Amino acid sequence: MPETVPSVEAFIHHLPKVELHLHLEGSVRPETLLELSRAKGRLQKETEDWISQRARRGFRYSGFKEFLNAFKLVALLLETPSDYALITSRLMEWLAVQNVKYAEITLSVGVLLWKKQSVPAVFEAVAHAACETGSRLGVRVNWIFDAVRQFGAGHARAVLRWAVRFRSAGVVAFGLGGDEKGGPADQFVAVYREARDFGLHVTAHAGETAGPESIRKSIELLGAERIGHGLAAAQDESVMGLLRDRGVSLEVCPTSNVCTGVLPRLEDHPLPRFLRSGLIITLNSDDPAMFGTSLEGEFVRAARTFQLDEADILRLSEYGIRSAFLLESELEDYLVSLYRAAGLRTTHPESTDYTDFTH
């Protein structure tokens, strides 16, 4: 009897996955939002209306600013450390269902400061929840502390201080999100230099709602090791060359870009061009609950939309592992697990042949 060839969906699910661009606050699914609002006895109608509206509109927003306002509504429901612990546990469970083995979760410390909440209390709650749930389900996480760029350099430096304080507790990087045009990279040069001096990795959202120059400045001025989104790189061959020459990874989030109105259709995402150009591309869900997606869903959509084969999917998975802020020995362990799951005859990362499958 001939062997049954697994579907692309089954192949994707079977692979151990890594996610690097994942916002904790954007991972709160509708049922958890309702649970939070009912428990508090406030914002319940607003939350129910918002969930219904999102479903009716297919999780699409009129533009990036409407999305930021929606993110703000979710953040306002997170009032206590226990709220944050709850959503962390639920996210860990969701990751486990998708066979995600490692994630770097972004915590919007900038929003915590804006809400005047205790950063130590919240981080200790989420770190404990992640450790407890993750050890039970086989999911490991580290953390990225994110500043809100439109709040300025002083605010970003305050976020950095907390990242430094909790570096030994799993905070591996400092990042910058929010409105690119409202907080250009030039304003944060000194802050990023300090972050690197303290031994933190650095990332930046760039080329999502601004042009390719935002990406160039994030690399050349800030020293960003990974770029969140990076869509605008497709507009400038020299920026793509800079990404390639510096080995800077792009954390692409296709569904997010369509839902926020940055792209009209998924088919318009430059992911295939980036891959053909030799860029390091990682696939991510960004704010999955706010866009009706997941990491596994992103892989499936990308495979269907861009006719990716198993070798392409494996390449994206490997890029995700290689771009993680982990020790080389840890990266190799994840790579070996990936190759074994894919059925490769070789399990040596340095000699991978993407066409050498046993199934």
Protein backbone atom coordinates (compact mmCIF):
# COMPACT_ATOMS: atom_id res chain seq x y z
CA MET A 1 0.00 0.00 0.00
CA PRO A 2 1.44 3.44 -0.93
CA GLU A 3 2.47 5.76 1.87
CA THR A 4 -0.03 8.50 2.66
CA VAL A 5 1.46 11.90 1.89
CA PRO A 6 0.67 14.28 4.77
CA SER A 7 -1.17 17.49 3.95
CA VAL A 8 0.64 20.81 4.19
CA GLU A 9 -1.49 21.59 7.25
CA ALA A 10 -0.44 18.36 8.95
CA PHE A 11 3.20 18.99 8.07
CA ILE A 12 3.02 22.50 9.55
CA HIS A 13 1.33 21.31 12.73
CA HIS A 14 3.88 18.55 13.23
CA LEU A 15 6.85 20.92 13.09
CA PRO A 16 8.08 22.35 16.42
CA LYS A 17 7.73 26.10 15.97
CA VAL A 18 9.29 29.31 17.27
CA GLU A 19 7.54 32.70 17.42
CA LEU A 20 9.46 35.94 17.85
CA HIS A 21 6.96 38.76 17.23
CA LEU A 22 4.08 38.19 19.62
CA HIS A 23 2.47 40.85 21.81
CA LEU A 24 1.06 39.54 25.08
CA GLU A 25 -1.75 42.11 25.19
CA GLY A 26 -2.71 41.33 21.60
CA SER A 27 -3.06 37.62 22.34
CA VAL A 28 -6.16 37.95 24.55
CA ARG A 29 -8.90 35.96 22.81
CA PRO A 30 -12.59 36.98 22.93
CA GLU A 31 -13.58 34.45 25.58
CA THR A 32 -10.83 35.70 27.89
CA LEU A 33 -11.77 39.34 27.25
CA LEU A 34 -15.37 38.56 28.20
CA GLU A 35 -14.21 36.71 31.29
CA LEU A 36 -12.15 39.72 32.36
CA SER A 37 -14.92 42.26 31.71
CA ARG A 38 -17.61 40.18 33.48
CA ALA A 39 -15.40 39.62 36.50
CA LYS A 40 -14.86 43.36 36.81
CA GLY A 41 -18.45 44.36 36.13
CA ARG A 42 -17.23 47.14 33.86
CA LEU A 43 -16.56 47.69 30.16
CA GLN A 44 -18.68 44.59 29.58
CA LYS A 45 -20.96 46.14 26.95
CA GLU A 46 -18.03 47.88 25.25
CA THR A 47 -16.13 44.60 25.16
CA GLU A 48 -19.07 42.62 23.78
CA ASP A 49 -19.72 45.30 21.13
CA TRP A 50 -16.05 45.37 20.18
CA ILE A 51 -15.89 41.57 19.80
CA SER A 52 -19.06 41.52 17.68
CA GLN A 53 -17.78 44.35 15.50
CA ARG A 54 -14.42 42.66 14.99
CA ALA A 55 -16.11 39.41 13.94
CA ARG A 56 -18.45 41.23 11.53
CA ARG A 57 -15.54 43.04 9.93
CA GLY A 58 -13.32 39.97 9.69
CA PHE A 59 -10.89 41.44 12.25
CA ARG A 60 -10.08 44.31 9.89
CA TYR A 61 -9.50 47.89 11.01
CA SER A 62 -9.98 51.11 9.07
CA GLY A 63 -6.32 51.92 9.64
CA PHE A 64 -3.39 51.60 11.99
CA LYS A 65 -4.74 54.24 14.39
CA GLU A 66 -8.03 52.39 14.84
CA PHE A 67 -6.02 49.28 15.63
CA LEU A 68 -3.98 51.19 18.26
CA ASN A 69 -7.23 52.36 19.87
CA ALA A 70 -8.48 48.76 19.96
CA PHE A 71 -5.22 47.67 21.57
CA LYS A 72 -5.78 50.38 24.17
CA LEU A 73 -9.25 48.99 25.02
CA VAL A 74 -7.77 45.55 25.65
CA ALA A 75 -4.97 47.04 27.75
CA LEU A 76 -7.47 48.92 29.92
CA LEU A 77 -9.11 45.62 30.92
CA LEU A 78 -5.77 44.44 32.31
CA GLU A 79 -5.84 46.11 35.70
CA THR A 80 -4.04 43.77 38.07
CA PRO A 81 -1.07 41.39 38.03
CA SER A 82 -3.52 38.50 38.23
CA ASP A 83 -5.18 39.70 35.01
CA TYR A 84 -1.80 39.58 33.30
CA ALA A 85 -1.07 36.16 34.78
CA LEU A 86 -4.37 34.84 33.43
CA ILE A 87 -3.74 35.99 29.87
CA THR A 88 -0.19 34.64 30.01
CA SER A 89 -1.40 31.18 31.05
CA ARG A 90 -4.01 31.22 28.29
CA LEU A 91 -1.40 32.26 25.73
CA MET A 92 0.93 29.45 26.82
CA GLU A 93 -1.92 26.96 26.39
CA TRP A 94 -2.63 28.35 22.91
CA LEU A 95 1.03 28.10 21.93
CA ALA A 96 1.17 24.50 23.11
CA VAL A 97 -1.84 23.57 20.95
CA GLN A 98 0.06 24.93 17.92
CA ASN A 99 3.21 22.96 18.79
CA VAL A 100 5.14 26.17 19.50
CA LYS A 101 8.14 25.21 21.61
CA TYR A 102 9.75 28.60 22.13
CA ALA A 103 8.48 32.18 21.99
CA GLU A 104 9.81 35.63 22.71
CA ILE A 105 6.79 37.50 24.04
CA THR A 106 6.65 41.28 23.94
CA LEU A 107 5.30 42.91 27.08
CA SER A 108 4.25 46.51 26.56
CA VAL A 109 6.00 47.99 29.57
CA GLY A 110 5.45 51.39 28.00
CA VAL A 111 1.69 50.88 28.35
CA LEU A 112 2.14 49.68 31.94
CA LEU A 113 3.94 52.92 32.75
CA TRP A 114 1.25 54.93 30.96
CA LYS A 115 -1.40 53.16 33.10
CA LYS A 116 0.76 53.77 36.20
CA GLN A 117 0.85 50.07 37.02
CA SER A 118 3.63 48.32 38.90
CA VAL A 119 6.10 46.87 36.41
CA PRO A 120 7.72 44.51 38.97
CA ALA A 121 4.36 43.15 40.14
CA VAL A 122 3.09 42.57 36.60
CA PHE A 123 6.32 41.05 35.31
CA GLU A 124 6.68 38.73 38.28
CA ALA A 125 3.09 37.58 37.67
CA VAL A 126 3.56 36.89 33.96
CA ALA A 127 6.97 35.29 34.43
CA HIS A 128 5.58 32.94 37.09
CA ALA A 129 2.54 32.07 34.97
CA ALA A 130 4.72 31.40 31.93
CA CYS A 131 7.09 29.22 33.90
CA GLU A 132 4.36 27.22 35.63
CA THR A 133 2.21 26.67 32.53
CA GLY A 134 5.16 26.32 30.18
CA SER A 135 6.90 23.65 32.24
CA ARG A 136 3.69 21.64 32.27
CA LEU A 137 3.06 21.99 28.53
CA GLY A 138 6.60 22.02 27.16
CA VAL A 139 6.70 25.65 26.03
CA ARG A 140 9.58 27.96 26.89
CA VAL A 141 9.46 31.76 26.68
CA ASN A 142 11.68 34.78 27.08
CA TRP A 143 10.58 38.39 27.13
CA ILE A 144 11.02 41.61 25.18
CA PHE A 145 10.21 44.88 26.94
CA ASP A 146 8.61 47.31 24.52
CA ALA A 147 8.49 51.14 24.68
CA VAL A 148 5.84 53.32 23.01
CA ARG A 149 7.82 55.38 20.53
CA GLN A 150 5.43 58.34 20.32
CA PHE A 151 5.94 58.90 24.08
CA GLY A 152 9.54 59.95 23.44
CA ALA A 153 13.08 59.08 24.51
CA GLY A 154 12.57 59.71 28.22
CA HIS A 155 9.77 57.20 28.31
CA ALA A 156 11.84 54.68 26.35
CA ARG A 157 14.72 55.06 28.80
CA ALA A 158 12.34 54.33 31.69
CA VAL A 159 11.29 51.10 29.94
CA LEU A 160 14.94 50.23 29.37
CA ARG A 161 15.70 50.57 33.08
CA TRP A 162 13.10 47.90 33.83
CA ALA A 163 14.44 45.65 31.07
CA VAL A 164 17.92 45.87 32.57
CA ARG A 165 16.58 45.12 36.03
CA PHE A 166 14.87 41.93 34.86
CA ARG A 167 17.52 40.79 32.40
CA SER A 168 18.47 37.87 34.64
CA ALA A 169 14.79 36.86 34.87
CA GLY A 170 14.32 36.22 31.17
CA VAL A 171 14.17 39.66 29.54
CA VAL A 172 16.38 39.21 26.49
CA ALA A 173 15.66 42.34 24.47
CA PHE A 174 14.48 45.94 24.35
CA GLY A 175 12.14 47.04 21.57
CA LEU A 176 10.19 49.95 20.19
CA GLY A 177 6.61 49.89 18.93
CA GLY A 178 3.74 52.28 18.28
CA ASP A 179 3.43 55.06 15.71
CA GLU A 180 6.60 55.08 13.58
CA LYS A 181 6.02 58.58 12.25
CA GLY A 182 5.28 59.89 15.75
CA GLY A 183 8.60 58.56 17.09
CA PRO A 184 11.30 58.26 14.43
CA ALA A 185 14.45 56.26 15.10
CA ASP A 186 16.65 59.37 15.37
CA GLN A 187 15.13 60.13 18.79
CA PHE A 188 16.29 56.87 20.37
CA VAL A 189 19.94 56.53 19.38
CA ALA A 190 21.31 57.05 22.92
CA VAL A 191 18.69 54.75 24.47
CA TYR A 192 19.57 51.93 22.10
CA ARG A 193 23.27 52.42 22.70
CA GLU A 194 22.62 52.04 26.43
CA ALA A 195 20.54 48.92 25.83
CA ARG A 196 23.36 47.30 23.87
CA ASP A 197 25.91 48.36 26.49
CA PHE A 198 23.83 46.60 29.14
CA GLY A 199 23.97 43.39 27.10
CA LEU A 200 20.39 43.40 25.85
CA HIS A 201 19.45 42.47 22.32
CA VAL A 202 17.58 45.18 20.43
CA THR A 203 14.64 45.11 18.03
CA ALA A 204 12.45 47.76 16.45
CA HIS A 205 9.18 47.93 14.56
CA ALA A 206 10.08 49.62 11.27
CA GLY A 207 8.81 49.81 7.72
CA GLU A 208 5.31 48.90 8.85
CA THR A 209 3.59 52.27 8.46
CA ALA A 210 6.64 54.32 7.40
CA GLY A 211 8.98 54.03 4.43
CA PRO A 212 12.23 52.14 3.88
CA GLU A 213 14.28 54.91 5.49
CA SER A 214 12.73 53.92 8.83
CA ILE A 215 14.27 50.46 8.40
CA ARG A 216 17.63 51.87 7.37
CA LYS A 217 17.78 54.16 10.40
CA SER A 218 16.70 51.38 12.75
CA ILE A 219 19.65 49.31 11.55
CA GLU A 220 22.30 51.98 11.10
CA LEU A 221 21.41 54.29 14.01
CA LEU A 222 19.84 51.91 16.53
CA GLY A 223 21.72 48.70 15.71
CA ALA A 224 18.49 46.70 15.51
CA GLU A 225 19.17 42.97 15.19
CA ARG A 226 15.63 42.20 14.07
CA ILE A 227 13.07 44.40 12.35
CA GLY A 228 9.36 44.05 13.12
CA HIS A 229 7.33 43.89 9.89
CA GLY A 230 9.79 45.59 7.48
CA LEU A 231 7.27 45.75 4.64
CA ALA A 232 8.76 48.91 3.18
CA ALA A 233 12.07 47.17 2.46
CA ALA A 234 10.44 45.97 -0.76
CA GLN A 235 10.41 49.59 -1.96
CA ASP A 236 14.20 49.97 -1.83
CA GLU A 237 16.74 47.46 -3.14
CA SER A 238 19.51 49.13 -1.14
CA VAL A 239 17.60 48.55 2.10
CA MET A 240 17.08 44.90 1.18
CA GLY A 241 20.81 44.73 0.54
CA LEU A 242 21.49 46.27 3.94
CA LEU A 243 19.27 43.69 5.64
CA ARG A 244 20.99 40.88 3.76
CA ASP A 245 24.53 42.16 4.34
CA ARG A 246 24.00 42.76 8.06
CA GLY A 247 22.09 39.50 8.59
CA VAL A 248 19.15 41.40 10.14
CA SER A 249 15.98 39.30 10.35
CA LEU A 250 12.56 40.52 9.29
CA GLU A 251 9.71 39.49 11.60
CA VAL A 252 6.94 39.41 9.00
CA CYS A 253 3.29 39.35 10.10
CA PRO A 254 1.19 39.14 6.90
CA THR A 255 -2.31 38.86 8.37
CA SER A 256 -1.59 41.76 10.72
CA ASN A 257 -0.61 43.99 7.79
CA VAL A 258 -3.86 43.26 5.98
CA CYS A 259 -6.04 43.70 9.06
CA THR A 260 -4.51 47.09 9.94
CA GLY A 261 -5.01 48.30 6.37
CA VAL A 262 -1.32 48.56 5.56
CA LEU A 263 -1.81 46.05 2.72
CA PRO A 264 -5.05 45.59 0.73
CA ARG A 265 -4.63 41.82 0.32
CA LEU A 266 -2.49 39.01 1.66
CA GLU A 267 -1.31 38.36 -1.90
CA ASP A 268 0.35 41.81 -1.87
CA HIS A 269 2.76 40.88 0.92
CA PRO A 270 6.38 40.80 -0.35
CA LEU A 271 7.24 37.60 1.56
CA PRO A 272 8.05 35.59 -1.61
CA ARG A 273 10.26 38.38 -2.93
CA PHE A 274 12.05 38.63 0.41
CA LEU A 275 12.75 34.90 0.33
CA ARG A 276 13.98 35.00 -3.27
CA SER A 277 16.26 37.92 -2.35
CA GLY A 278 17.99 35.89 0.36
CA LEU A 279 16.61 37.81 3.34
CA ILE A 280 16.16 36.12 6.71
CA ILE A 281 12.40 35.96 7.22
CA THR A 282 10.54 34.79 10.31
CA LEU A 283 6.78 34.25 10.26
CA ASN A 284 4.73 35.63 13.16
CA SER A 285 1.19 36.38 14.33
CA ASP A 286 1.86 39.79 15.99
CA ASP A 287 -1.44 40.38 17.88
CA PRO A 288 -3.14 37.09 17.00
CA ALA A 289 -6.40 37.49 18.90
CA MET A 290 -6.96 40.94 17.43
CA PHE A 291 -6.46 39.68 13.89
CA GLY A 292 -8.16 36.28 14.11
CA THR A 293 -4.96 34.40 13.47
CA SER A 294 -2.22 32.32 15.10
CA LEU A 295 1.32 31.29 14.22
CA GLU A 296 0.08 28.00 12.80
CA GLY A 297 -2.57 29.93 10.89
CA GLU A 298 0.09 32.24 9.44
CA PHE A 299 2.06 29.27 8.14
CA VAL A 300 -1.05 27.74 6.56
CA ARG A 301 -2.16 31.03 4.98
CA ALA A 302 1.33 31.74 3.65
CA ALA A 303 1.62 28.22 2.21
CA ARG A 304 -1.73 28.51 0.42
CA THR A 305 -1.34 32.11 -0.74
CA PHE A 306 2.24 31.90 -1.97
CA GLN A 307 2.31 28.22 -2.98
CA LEU A 308 5.02 27.42 -0.45
CA ASP A 309 6.21 23.83 -0.41
CA GLU A 310 7.59 21.83 2.51
CA ALA A 311 11.12 23.08 1.84
CA ASP A 312 9.93 26.71 2.03
CA ILE A 313 8.02 26.02 5.25
CA LEU A 314 11.04 24.33 6.76
CA ARG A 315 13.25 27.24 5.72
CA LEU A 316 10.93 29.74 7.42
CA SER A 317 10.90 27.56 10.53
CA GLU A 318 14.68 27.39 10.59
CA TYR A 319 14.97 31.15 10.16
CA GLY A 320 12.71 31.57 13.19
CA ILE A 321 15.01 29.41 15.30
CA ARG A 322 18.22 30.98 14.04
CA SER A 323 16.86 34.49 14.72
CA ALA A 324 15.96 33.75 18.35
CA PHE A 325 17.93 35.45 21.12
CA LEU A 326 19.33 32.21 22.51
CA LEU A 327 22.73 30.62 23.03
CA GLU A 328 24.19 28.77 20.05
CA SER A 329 23.86 25.44 21.86
CA GLU A 330 20.17 26.12 22.49
CA LEU A 331 19.60 27.08 18.87
CA GLU A 332 21.21 23.86 17.73
CA ASP A 333 18.95 21.79 20.00
CA TYR A 334 15.86 23.41 18.49
CA LEU A 335 17.23 22.94 14.96
CA VAL A 336 17.87 19.25 15.54
CA SER A 337 14.29 18.82 16.82
CA LEU A 338 12.99 20.65 13.75
CA TYR A 339 14.92 18.50 11.29
CA ARG A 340 13.89 15.28 13.01
CA ALA A 341 10.24 16.31 12.96
CA ALA A 342 10.54 17.13 9.26
CA GLY A 343 11.99 13.69 8.56
CA LEU A 344 15.32 14.93 7.26
CA ARG A 345 18.01 12.28 7.01
CA THR A 346 20.53 14.77 8.41
CA THR A 347 20.20 16.39 11.81
CA HIS A 348 23.30 18.53 11.47
CA PRO A 349 22.35 22.21 11.05
CA GLU A 350 25.47 23.02 9.06
CA SER A 351 24.63 20.46 6.36
CA THR A 352 20.91 20.91 5.88
CA ASP A 353 19.55 19.92 2.48
CA TYR A 354 15.96 21.14 2.22
CA THR A 355 15.19 18.69 -0.57
CA ASP A 356 16.33 15.64 1.40
CA PHE A 357 13.07 14.42 2.95
CA THR A 358 12.28 10.84 3.85
CA HIS A 359 8.51 11.18 3.56
